[in-house]
Amino acid sequence: MRNTLVVSALMLATLAAPVGAVKVVATISDLGYFAKEIGGSKAKVTVICPGTINPHFVETRPSHVKSTAECDLFLEVGLALDIWAAPLRRAANNPRMRVVSCSRGCRILEKPSGPVDPSQGHLHPQGNPHLWLHPANAMIICSNILAGYKACMPSAGGYFTQRTRDLLGRIKQKSAVWKKKVASCKGEGYVSYHPSYEYLADFLGLKKVATVEPKPGVPPSSGRVQQVIRIVKARKVKALMQEIYYAPGAAKSICKATGAKLLILPTLTGGAKGTATWFDMMDYNVSRIARAL
């Protein structure tokens, strides 16, 4: 009887283990990029939200349900950014997959000090979720993904670990280059349309003066635009950063009235031409910020 139970357990373990490659579903393109770099030839990665779409609002399709139903590892940001992932997983009904919240252990900015309700706009109760734009958090994200891979395919743990070490080394090296590029701009103020660039600004030593939105996710009125114009003039702000998926009308009006430089910057890998990797996206943003400041 005992031998039968042991054999049955071994059979179940074999059936549960990925064959050939770990099937991964990543909610956003940045998680997908890191997953591909760490997984290498032992992973097959599907990305739901590409870099050109607002990650807060994603319409999932039947193909996403199918991929999730078949995956071994599901990667999400958490912090209510990809809140649409939960109903997707329920629809997929895949008890075999492992879910990794990649924000676990990261340094979180802009945590609300009190209760959050709809009157505060699209405010995230656990803090600002755009954390992959800070290299230190990106490294923690990679470590979380590594743990997911090793849990799915323990036999390839050494392979995943070495690829992660190589990736972390590249992030450290590039981080030094990026900081040096904007060293003379440390302490400069900036305005953003939506609070998407706070982690990048924190890394570069920049200070947010205002957001064009009066509240997260609430389009600015003409009165709000005039208010931001006064702030930009008073603080002599040189740059206004805006995401690619928001209408630029208000930001253009502010920059025309103040002389500030409008920077339309991607917040996700693949969000602009020439940003096929996370490193490309960071290079793109840092270079344009450095020129504007």
Protein backbone atom coordinates (compact mmCIF):
# COMPACT_ATOMS: atom_id res chain seq x y z
CA MET A 1 0.00 0.00 0.00
CA ARG A 2 2.81 2.40 0.96
CA ASN A 3 4.66 1.68 -2.32
CA THR A 4 1.47 2.36 -4.26
CA LEU A 5 1.08 5.75 -2.55
CA VAL A 6 4.71 6.65 -3.29
CA VAL A 7 4.32 5.73 -6.95
CA SER A 8 1.09 7.74 -7.18
CA ALA A 9 2.77 10.78 -5.62
CA LEU A 10 5.67 10.55 -8.06
CA MET A 11 3.24 10.30 -10.99
CA LEU A 12 1.35 13.39 -9.81
CA ALA A 13 4.60 15.32 -9.39
CA THR A 14 5.66 14.36 -12.90
CA LEU A 15 2.33 15.46 -14.35
CA ALA A 16 2.53 18.79 -12.48
CA ALA A 17 6.06 19.60 -13.64
CA PRO A 18 6.42 21.64 -16.87
CA VAL A 19 7.63 19.59 -19.82
CA GLY A 20 10.46 21.23 -21.77
CA ALA A 21 9.65 24.83 -20.84
CA VAL A 22 7.79 26.74 -18.16
CA LYS A 23 4.68 28.38 -19.63
CA VAL A 24 4.49 31.92 -18.29
CA VAL A 25 1.80 34.59 -18.52
CA ALA A 26 2.88 38.13 -17.58
CA THR A 27 0.36 40.93 -17.12
CA ILE A 28 2.61 43.71 -18.50
CA SER A 29 5.43 43.85 -21.01
CA ASP A 30 8.14 44.68 -18.44
CA LEU A 31 7.40 41.54 -16.42
CA GLY A 32 7.35 39.66 -19.71
CA TYR A 33 10.78 41.01 -20.67
CA PHE A 34 12.33 40.04 -17.35
CA ALA A 35 10.67 36.62 -17.54
CA LYS A 36 12.12 36.01 -20.99
CA GLU A 37 15.61 37.08 -19.89
CA ILE A 38 15.53 34.82 -16.83
CA GLY A 39 13.70 31.89 -18.44
CA GLY A 40 15.75 31.74 -21.63
CA SER A 41 15.20 28.56 -23.61
CA LYS A 42 13.39 26.96 -20.70
CA ALA A 43 10.42 29.33 -20.79
CA LYS A 44 7.59 30.31 -23.09
CA VAL A 45 6.28 33.76 -22.15
CA THR A 46 2.96 35.36 -23.10
CA VAL A 47 2.36 39.06 -22.38
CA ILE A 48 -1.18 40.39 -21.94
CA CYS A 49 -0.66 44.17 -21.83
CA PRO A 50 1.79 45.52 -24.45
CA GLY A 51 3.70 48.74 -23.93
CA THR A 52 1.27 50.87 -25.92
CA ILE A 53 -1.77 50.26 -23.69
CA ASN A 54 -2.67 51.80 -20.33
CA PRO A 55 -1.96 48.96 -17.87
CA HIS A 56 -4.75 50.13 -15.56
CA PHE A 57 -7.42 49.32 -18.13
CA VAL A 58 -6.93 46.15 -20.16
CA GLU A 59 -9.67 44.29 -21.97
CA THR A 60 -8.80 40.61 -21.71
CA ARG A 61 -9.67 38.30 -24.59
CA PRO A 62 -10.51 34.59 -24.90
CA SER A 63 -6.92 33.99 -26.01
CA HIS A 64 -5.71 35.40 -22.67
CA VAL A 65 -8.02 33.03 -20.80
CA LYS A 66 -6.66 30.12 -22.83
CA SER A 67 -3.02 31.07 -22.16
CA THR A 68 -3.74 31.47 -18.46
CA ALA A 69 -5.56 28.15 -18.31
CA GLU A 70 -2.47 26.45 -19.75
CA CYS A 71 0.28 28.33 -17.90
CA ASP A 72 2.56 27.15 -15.09
CA LEU A 73 3.50 30.62 -13.81
CA PHE A 74 1.40 33.79 -13.70
CA LEU A 75 3.23 37.09 -13.09
CA GLU A 76 1.38 40.20 -11.95
CA VAL A 77 2.53 43.56 -10.60
CA GLY A 78 0.01 43.76 -7.78
CA LEU A 79 -0.80 46.97 -5.86
CA ALA A 80 -4.12 47.07 -7.78
CA LEU A 81 -2.41 48.06 -11.05
CA ASP A 82 -3.40 44.90 -12.96
CA ILE A 83 -6.58 44.34 -10.95
CA TRP A 84 -8.12 42.85 -14.11
CA ALA A 85 -5.86 39.82 -13.65
CA ALA A 86 -7.97 38.34 -10.86
CA PRO A 87 -11.13 37.77 -12.95
CA LEU A 88 -8.92 36.49 -15.76
CA ARG A 89 -7.47 33.82 -13.47
CA ARG A 90 -10.92 32.89 -12.22
CA ALA A 91 -12.13 32.43 -15.79
CA ALA A 92 -9.06 30.31 -16.60
CA ASN A 93 -9.73 28.01 -13.60
CA ASN A 94 -6.16 26.70 -13.53
CA PRO A 95 -5.39 25.30 -10.06
CA ARG A 96 -1.94 24.18 -11.25
CA MET A 97 -0.44 27.62 -11.95
CA ARG A 98 1.70 29.52 -9.47
CA VAL A 99 0.90 33.21 -9.04
CA VAL A 100 3.73 35.64 -8.28
CA SER A 101 2.99 39.20 -7.15
CA CYS A 102 6.17 40.82 -8.42
CA SER A 103 5.87 43.93 -6.24
CA ARG A 104 6.49 41.85 -3.09
CA GLY A 105 9.46 43.27 -1.18
CA CYS A 106 9.74 46.40 -3.35
CA ARG A 107 10.01 49.91 -1.94
CA ILE A 108 6.58 51.48 -2.41
CA LEU A 109 6.06 55.22 -2.83
CA GLU A 110 2.98 57.37 -2.23
CA LYS A 111 1.10 55.10 0.13
CA PRO A 112 -2.15 56.84 1.17
CA SER A 113 -2.13 57.86 4.83
CA GLY A 114 -5.84 57.20 5.34
CA PRO A 115 -8.83 55.38 3.84
CA VAL A 116 -9.26 55.46 0.05
CA ASP A 117 -12.62 56.05 -1.63
CA PRO A 118 -13.84 56.91 -5.17
CA SER A 119 -13.87 60.65 -4.37
CA GLN A 120 -10.05 60.54 -4.47
CA GLY A 121 -9.95 59.42 -8.10
CA HIS A 122 -8.04 56.34 -9.21
CA LEU A 123 -5.87 56.33 -6.10
CA HIS A 124 -4.17 53.02 -5.29
CA PRO A 125 -4.77 52.04 -1.65
CA GLN A 126 -1.46 50.14 -1.40
CA GLY A 127 0.68 52.84 -2.99
CA ASN A 128 1.96 53.87 -6.42
CA PRO A 129 2.24 50.71 -8.58
CA HIS A 130 4.61 51.96 -11.33
CA LEU A 131 7.59 50.57 -9.44
CA TRP A 132 9.47 48.80 -12.28
CA LEU A 133 10.78 52.22 -13.39
CA HIS A 134 13.22 52.21 -10.45
CA PRO A 135 16.20 49.89 -11.07
CA ALA A 136 16.36 48.83 -7.41
CA ASN A 137 12.77 47.63 -7.60
CA ALA A 138 13.40 46.03 -11.00
CA MET A 139 16.07 43.89 -9.35
CA ILE A 140 13.64 42.75 -6.66
CA ILE A 141 11.06 41.98 -9.34
CA CYS A 142 13.63 39.78 -11.10
CA SER A 143 14.33 37.94 -7.84
CA ASN A 144 10.61 37.30 -7.37
CA ILE A 145 10.36 35.93 -10.90
CA LEU A 146 13.38 33.71 -10.27
CA ALA A 147 11.67 32.23 -7.21
CA GLY A 148 8.62 31.44 -9.34
CA TYR A 149 10.71 29.69 -12.00
CA LYS A 150 12.60 27.63 -9.43
CA ALA A 151 9.33 26.53 -7.84
CA CYS A 152 7.95 25.47 -11.22
CA MET A 153 11.09 23.72 -12.47
CA PRO A 154 13.50 22.91 -9.62
CA SER A 155 15.72 20.86 -11.90
CA ALA A 156 16.65 24.03 -13.82
CA GLY A 157 17.24 26.16 -10.72
CA GLY A 158 20.93 26.68 -11.49
CA TYR A 159 20.15 27.77 -15.05
CA PHE A 160 17.57 30.34 -13.91
CA THR A 161 19.83 31.59 -11.11
CA GLN A 162 22.79 32.23 -13.41
CA ARG A 163 20.64 34.08 -15.94
CA THR A 164 19.19 36.21 -13.12
CA ARG A 165 22.68 37.05 -11.84
CA ASP A 166 23.70 38.15 -15.32
CA LEU A 167 20.57 40.29 -15.62
CA LEU A 168 21.05 41.92 -12.21
CA GLY A 169 24.65 42.70 -13.13
CA ARG A 170 23.50 44.49 -16.28
CA ILE A 171 20.93 46.49 -14.30
CA LYS A 172 23.60 47.60 -11.81
CA GLN A 173 25.96 48.61 -14.60
CA LYS A 174 23.35 50.60 -16.51
CA SER A 175 22.04 52.24 -13.32
CA ALA A 176 25.42 53.86 -12.78
CA VAL A 177 25.41 55.16 -16.37
CA TRP A 178 21.90 56.61 -16.04
CA LYS A 179 22.65 58.36 -12.76
CA LYS A 180 25.81 59.89 -14.17
CA LYS A 181 23.90 61.17 -17.19
CA VAL A 182 21.53 63.25 -15.03
CA ALA A 183 23.86 64.01 -12.12
CA SER A 184 23.83 67.74 -12.85
CA CYS A 185 20.01 67.76 -12.81
CA LYS A 186 19.61 66.39 -9.29
CA GLY A 187 16.97 68.31 -7.34
CA GLU A 188 15.26 69.70 -10.47
CA GLY A 189 11.46 69.91 -10.38
CA TYR A 190 9.13 68.30 -12.90
CA VAL A 191 5.41 68.02 -13.62
CA SER A 192 3.73 64.78 -14.71
CA TYR A 193 0.30 64.27 -16.22
CA HIS A 194 -0.51 61.14 -14.18
CA PRO A 195 1.62 59.84 -11.26
CA SER A 196 3.51 57.31 -13.40
CA TYR A 197 7.09 58.62 -13.20
CA GLU A 198 7.60 58.92 -9.46
CA TYR A 199 9.90 55.88 -9.22
CA LEU A 200 12.01 57.01 -12.16
CA ALA A 201 12.20 60.51 -10.68
CA ASP A 202 13.13 59.11 -7.28
CA PHE A 203 15.97 57.15 -8.88
CA LEU A 204 17.21 60.22 -10.77
CA GLY A 205 16.87 62.59 -7.81
CA LEU A 206 14.10 64.75 -9.35
CA LYS A 207 11.24 66.35 -7.40
CA LYS A 208 7.59 66.33 -8.45
CA VAL A 209 6.07 69.81 -8.36
CA ALA A 210 2.55 68.94 -9.55
CA THR A 211 0.43 66.56 -11.61
CA VAL A 212 -1.80 67.86 -14.39
CA GLU A 213 -4.61 65.58 -13.24
CA PRO A 214 -6.24 67.07 -10.12
CA LYS A 215 -6.72 63.50 -8.89
CA PRO A 216 -5.37 60.25 -10.40
CA GLY A 217 -7.46 59.30 -13.41
CA VAL A 218 -9.51 62.54 -13.40
CA PRO A 219 -9.01 64.66 -16.56
CA PRO A 220 -7.99 68.27 -15.84
CA SER A 221 -10.46 71.13 -16.22
CA SER A 222 -9.45 74.44 -17.81
CA GLY A 223 -9.14 75.85 -14.31
CA ARG A 224 -6.74 73.09 -13.34
CA VAL A 225 -4.64 73.75 -16.44
CA GLN A 226 -4.36 77.42 -15.48
CA GLN A 227 -3.39 76.44 -11.94
CA VAL A 228 -0.58 74.18 -13.20
CA ILE A 229 0.62 76.95 -15.55
CA ARG A 230 1.03 79.24 -12.56
CA ILE A 231 2.93 76.56 -10.65
CA VAL A 232 5.25 75.82 -13.57
CA LYS A 233 6.05 79.52 -14.02
CA ALA A 234 6.58 80.12 -10.32
CA ARG A 235 8.83 77.09 -9.88
CA LYS A 236 10.56 77.51 -13.27
CA VAL A 237 9.86 73.90 -14.18
CA LYS A 238 11.63 72.79 -17.36
CA ALA A 239 9.91 69.48 -18.12
CA LEU A 240 6.41 68.00 -18.19
CA MET A 241 6.26 64.22 -18.53
CA GLN A 242 3.24 62.49 -20.01
CA GLU A 243 2.34 58.91 -20.84
CA ILE A 244 1.78 57.91 -24.45
CA TYR A 245 -1.82 56.79 -23.91
CA TYR A 246 -3.29 60.06 -22.57
CA ALA A 247 -4.56 62.91 -24.75
CA PRO A 248 -1.82 65.58 -24.85
CA GLY A 249 -4.03 68.66 -25.20
CA ALA A 250 -3.78 69.94 -21.62
CA ALA A 251 -0.04 69.26 -21.41
CA LYS A 252 0.59 71.06 -24.71
CA SER A 253 -1.33 74.11 -23.45
CA ILE A 254 0.77 74.20 -20.29
CA CYS A 255 4.05 73.89 -22.19
CA LYS A 256 3.03 76.52 -24.76
CA ALA A 257 2.20 78.99 -21.98
CA THR A 258 5.33 78.33 -19.94
CA GLY A 259 8.10 77.23 -22.30
CA ALA A 260 8.46 73.91 -20.47
CA LYS A 261 9.47 70.91 -22.58
CA LEU A 262 6.76 68.29 -23.17
CA LEU A 263 8.21 64.77 -22.87
CA ILE A 264 5.92 62.00 -24.11
CA LEU A 265 7.60 59.05 -22.41
CA PRO A 266 6.75 55.33 -22.33
CA THR A 267 6.11 53.77 -18.96
CA LEU A 268 6.24 50.21 -20.33
CA THR A 269 8.73 48.26 -22.40
CA GLY A 270 7.74 48.57 -26.06
CA GLY A 271 5.80 51.78 -25.48
CA ALA A 272 7.81 53.79 -28.02
CA LYS A 273 9.86 53.05 -31.11
CA GLY A 274 13.21 51.55 -30.17
CA THR A 275 12.17 50.40 -26.69
CA ALA A 276 11.89 46.66 -27.25
CA THR A 277 13.65 45.91 -23.94
CA TRP A 278 13.40 47.35 -20.42
CA PHE A 279 16.93 48.73 -20.86
CA ASP A 280 15.91 50.44 -24.11
CA MET A 281 12.90 52.00 -22.41
CA MET A 282 14.97 53.29 -19.50
CA ASP A 283 17.65 54.62 -21.90
CA TYR A 284 14.96 56.38 -23.92
CA ASN A 285 13.44 58.08 -20.88
CA VAL A 286 16.68 59.04 -19.14
CA SER A 287 18.20 60.50 -22.32
CA ARG A 288 15.18 62.69 -23.01
CA ILE A 289 14.92 63.87 -19.41
CA ALA A 290 18.62 64.74 -19.39
CA ARG A 291 18.28 66.78 -22.57
CA ALA A 292 15.19 68.62 -21.31
CA LEU A 293 16.77 69.55 -17.98
